Amino acid sequence: MPAASGRPVLGASTNPARVSGDAKFKRTDIGKPIFIYTFLKEGVTLKSLTVYNNTAASGPVVVGTKVSDTTIDGATASFNSSTLSTDPAFSATGNKTIRLAFVATFSDGLTLTNGAVLTVTP
């Protein structure tokens, strides 16, 4: 992930010690948290972050239906993966992807929309 450049950068991971723009998630891990990291400029805090489906097949993020609110802990947000269990990727076989959109609000008034791809594996 890029270093903080004065603007927050988001990435998703199922491992709180790993920072990755895209994450892999096993179907058998349903119910575990998914972590979303933010890189903040000095003096700015994460106020809220909501997870949506990203309906864009490619290119810029297009915010779709709401997936989940998150729990904020410092610069990290998390949500329970069970909120994704109705996605067709969980009933399919092989590797499937879920495109997610994050809408984050920060204490300096900035609202950022960014996305990531979650790969669901057998």
C-alpha atoms as a PDB file:
ATOM      1  CA  MET A   1       0.000   0.000   0.000  1.00  0.00           C
ATOM      2  CA  PRO A   2       1.219   3.520  -0.659  1.00  0.00           C
ATOM      3  CA  ALA A   3       2.444   5.569   2.270  1.00  0.00           C
ATOM      4  CA  ALA A   4       0.195   8.315   3.563  1.00  0.00           C
ATOM      5  CA  SER A   5       0.295  11.223   1.155  1.00  0.00           C
ATOM      6  CA  GLY A   6      -2.111  13.549   2.900  1.00  0.00           C
ATOM      7  CA  ARG A   7      -5.126  11.568   1.668  1.00  0.00           C
ATOM      8  CA  PRO A   8      -6.411   8.337   3.175  1.00  0.00           C
ATOM      9  CA  VAL A   9      -5.882   5.101   1.260  1.00  0.00           C
ATOM     10  CA  LEU A  10      -8.031   2.058   1.871  1.00  0.00           C
ATOM     11  CA  GLY A  11      -7.324  -1.659   1.488  1.00  0.00           C
ATOM     12  CA  ALA A  12      -9.027  -4.838   2.675  1.00  0.00           C
ATOM     13  CA  SER A  13      -7.562  -7.894   4.344  1.00  0.00           C
ATOM     14  CA  THR A  14      -8.842 -10.842   6.351  1.00  0.00           C
ATOM     15  CA  ASN A  15      -5.605 -10.831   8.360  1.00  0.00           C
ATOM     16  CA  PRO A  16      -5.205  -7.823  10.659  1.00  0.00           C
ATOM     17  CA  ALA A  17      -1.407  -8.040  10.385  1.00  0.00           C
ATOM     18  CA  ARG A  18      -1.421  -7.915   6.578  1.00  0.00           C
ATOM     19  CA  VAL A  19      -2.144  -4.867   4.470  1.00  0.00           C
ATOM     20  CA  SER A  20      -3.309  -5.623   0.953  1.00  0.00           C
ATOM     21  CA  GLY A  21      -5.354  -3.855  -1.696  1.00  0.00           C
ATOM     22  CA  ASP A  22      -7.084  -7.129  -2.483  1.00  0.00           C
ATOM     23  CA  ALA A  23      -7.796  -9.959  -0.084  1.00  0.00           C
ATOM     24  CA  LYS A  24      -8.425 -13.695  -0.276  1.00  0.00           C
ATOM     25  CA  PHE A  25     -11.077 -15.334   1.839  1.00  0.00           C
ATOM     26  CA  LYS A  26     -11.964 -19.031   2.207  1.00  0.00           C
ATOM     27  CA  ARG A  27     -15.625 -20.021   2.044  1.00  0.00           C
ATOM     28  CA  THR A  28     -15.090 -21.957   5.280  1.00  0.00           C
ATOM     29  CA  ASP A  29     -14.011 -18.740   7.045  1.00  0.00           C
ATOM     30  CA  ILE A  30     -17.491 -17.222   6.917  1.00  0.00           C
ATOM     31  CA  GLY A  31     -18.236 -15.424  10.175  1.00  0.00           C
ATOM     32  CA  LYS A  32     -14.691 -14.093  10.614  1.00  0.00           C
ATOM     33  CA  PRO A  33     -13.912 -10.378  10.472  1.00  0.00           C
ATOM     34  CA  ILE A  34     -12.646  -8.600   7.392  1.00  0.00           C
ATOM     35  CA  PHE A  35     -10.357  -5.665   8.133  1.00  0.00           C
ATOM     36  CA  ILE A  36     -10.126  -2.428   6.162  1.00  0.00           C
ATOM     37  CA  TYR A  37      -7.096  -0.248   6.740  1.00  0.00           C
ATOM     38  CA  THR A  38      -6.868   3.499   6.329  1.00  0.00           C
ATOM     39  CA  PHE A  39      -3.734   5.571   6.096  1.00  0.00           C
ATOM     40  CA  LEU A  40      -4.375   8.954   7.658  1.00  0.00           C
ATOM     41  CA  LYS A  41      -2.672  12.294   7.490  1.00  0.00           C
ATOM     42  CA  GLU A  42      -1.526  13.599  10.847  1.00  0.00           C
ATOM     43  CA  GLY A  43      -4.321  14.793  13.123  1.00  0.00           C
ATOM     44  CA  VAL A  44      -7.128  13.171  11.098  1.00  0.00           C
ATOM     45  CA  THR A  45      -9.269  10.307  12.400  1.00  0.00           C
ATOM     46  CA  LEU A  46     -11.604   7.860  10.736  1.00  0.00           C
ATOM     47  CA  LYS A  47     -15.186   8.736  11.707  1.00  0.00           C
ATOM     48  CA  SER A  48     -17.160   6.126   9.732  1.00  0.00           C
ATOM     49  CA  LEU A  49     -16.728   3.572   6.996  1.00  0.00           C
ATOM     50  CA  THR A  50     -19.538   1.753   5.212  1.00  0.00           C
ATOM     51  CA  VAL A  51     -19.106  -1.235   2.889  1.00  0.00           C
ATOM     52  CA  TYR A  52     -21.151  -1.497  -0.313  1.00  0.00           C
ATOM     53  CA  ASN A  53     -21.143  -3.693  -3.375  1.00  0.00           C
ATOM     54  CA  ASN A  54     -19.134  -2.158  -6.208  1.00  0.00           C
ATOM     55  CA  THR A  55     -21.352  -2.596  -9.269  1.00  0.00           C
ATOM     56  CA  ALA A  56     -18.689  -1.520 -11.769  1.00  0.00           C
ATOM     57  CA  ALA A  57     -17.288  -4.403 -13.814  1.00  0.00           C
ATOM     58  CA  SER A  58     -14.057  -2.423 -14.131  1.00  0.00           C
ATOM     59  CA  GLY A  59     -12.819   1.127 -13.866  1.00  0.00           C
ATOM     60  CA  PRO A  60     -14.040   3.657 -11.289  1.00  0.00           C
ATOM     61  CA  VAL A  61     -16.002   2.470  -8.261  1.00  0.00           C
ATOM     62  CA  VAL A  62     -19.798   2.525  -8.557  1.00  0.00           C
ATOM     63  CA  VAL A  63     -21.479   2.279  -5.150  1.00  0.00           C
ATOM     64  CA  GLY A  64     -24.247  -0.349  -5.128  1.00  0.00           C
ATOM     65  CA  THR A  65     -26.266  -1.900  -2.320  1.00  0.00           C
ATOM     66  CA  LYS A  66     -25.085  -1.602   1.259  1.00  0.00           C
ATOM     67  CA  VAL A  67     -23.252  -4.659   2.600  1.00  0.00           C
ATOM     68  CA  SER A  68     -22.390  -3.588   6.134  1.00  0.00           C
ATOM     69  CA  ASP A  69     -21.533  -0.864   8.584  1.00  0.00           C
ATOM     70  CA  THR A  70     -18.145  -1.291  10.228  1.00  0.00           C
ATOM     71  CA  THR A  71     -16.617  -1.117  13.671  1.00  0.00           C
ATOM     72  CA  ILE A  72     -13.902   1.546  13.880  1.00  0.00           C
ATOM     73  CA  ASP A  73     -10.740   0.998  15.934  1.00  0.00           C
ATOM     74  CA  GLY A  74      -8.244   3.770  15.297  1.00  0.00           C
ATOM     75  CA  ALA A  75      -7.310   3.717  11.611  1.00  0.00           C
ATOM     76  CA  THR A  76      -8.818   0.240  11.078  1.00  0.00           C
ATOM     77  CA  ALA A  77     -12.419  -0.690  10.326  1.00  0.00           C
ATOM     78  CA  SER A  78     -13.830  -4.206  10.356  1.00  0.00           C
ATOM     79  CA  PHE A  79     -17.046  -6.017   9.528  1.00  0.00           C
ATOM     80  CA  ASN A  80     -18.236  -9.600   9.866  1.00  0.00           C
ATOM     81  CA  SER A  81     -17.847 -11.659   6.713  1.00  0.00           C
ATOM     82  CA  SER A  82     -21.256 -13.275   7.304  1.00  0.00           C
ATOM     83  CA  THR A  83     -22.794 -10.160   5.721  1.00  0.00           C
ATOM     84  CA  LEU A  84     -21.363 -11.425   2.417  1.00  0.00           C
ATOM     85  CA  SER A  85     -22.788 -14.962   2.718  1.00  0.00           C
ATOM     86  CA  THR A  86     -25.704 -14.261   0.350  1.00  0.00           C
ATOM     87  CA  ASP A  87     -23.338 -13.236  -2.453  1.00  0.00           C
ATOM     88  CA  PRO A  88     -23.327 -15.829  -5.283  1.00  0.00           C
ATOM     89  CA  ALA A  89     -19.547 -16.164  -4.859  1.00  0.00           C
ATOM     90  CA  PHE A  90     -20.177 -18.169  -1.691  1.00  0.00           C
ATOM     91  CA  SER A  91     -22.390 -20.749  -3.386  1.00  0.00           C
ATOM     92  CA  ALA A  92     -20.169 -21.145  -6.458  1.00  0.00           C
ATOM     93  CA  THR A  93     -17.213 -23.448  -6.899  1.00  0.00           C
ATOM     94  CA  GLY A  94     -13.645 -22.425  -7.617  1.00  0.00           C
ATOM     95  CA  ASN A  95     -12.278 -18.936  -7.056  1.00  0.00           C
ATOM     96  CA  LYS A  96     -14.849 -16.129  -7.338  1.00  0.00           C
ATOM     97  CA  THR A  97     -14.513 -12.406  -6.695  1.00  0.00           C
ATOM     98  CA  ILE A  98     -16.634  -9.862  -4.871  1.00  0.00           C
ATOM     99  CA  ARG A  99     -16.058  -6.223  -5.770  1.00  0.00           C
ATOM    100  CA  LEU A 100     -16.523  -3.994  -2.718  1.00  0.00           C
ATOM    101  CA  ALA A 101     -16.846  -0.225  -2.377  1.00  0.00           C
ATOM    102  CA  PHE A 102     -15.832   1.617   0.784  1.00  0.00           C
ATOM    103  CA  VAL A 103     -17.271   5.010   1.692  1.00  0.00           C
ATOM    104  CA  ALA A 104     -15.242   6.563   4.495  1.00  0.00           C
ATOM    105  CA  THR A 105     -15.735   9.835   6.342  1.00  0.00           C
ATOM    106  CA  PHE A 106     -12.855  11.493   8.161  1.00  0.00           C
ATOM    107  CA  SER A 107     -12.634  14.085  10.930  1.00  0.00           C
ATOM    108  CA  ASP A 108     -11.407  16.765   8.504  1.00  0.00           C
ATOM    109  CA  GLY A 109     -14.682  16.483   6.562  1.00  0.00           C
ATOM    110  CA  LEU A 110     -13.255  14.476   3.665  1.00  0.00           C
ATOM    111  CA  THR A 111     -15.421  11.650   2.315  1.00  0.00           C
ATOM    112  CA  LEU A 112     -13.558   9.082   0.228  1.00  0.00           C
ATOM    113  CA  THR A 113     -14.946   6.296  -1.945  1.00  0.00           C
ATOM    114  CA  ASN A 114     -12.554   3.515  -2.833  1.00  0.00           C
ATOM    115  CA  GLY A 115     -12.797  -0.148  -3.711  1.00  0.00           C
ATOM    116  CA  ALA A 116     -11.148  -3.523  -3.341  1.00  0.00           C
ATOM    117  CA  VAL A 117     -11.647  -7.025  -4.643  1.00  0.00           C
ATOM    118  CA  LEU A 118     -12.272  -9.908  -2.267  1.00  0.00           C
ATOM    119  CA  THR A 119     -11.421 -13.292  -3.798  1.00  0.00           C
ATOM    120  CA  VAL A 120     -13.447 -16.156  -2.353  1.00  0.00           C
ATOM    121  CA  THR A 121     -11.608 -19.473  -2.524  1.00  0.00           C
ATOM    122  CA  PRO A 122     -12.663 -23.087  -1.844  1.00  0.00           C
END
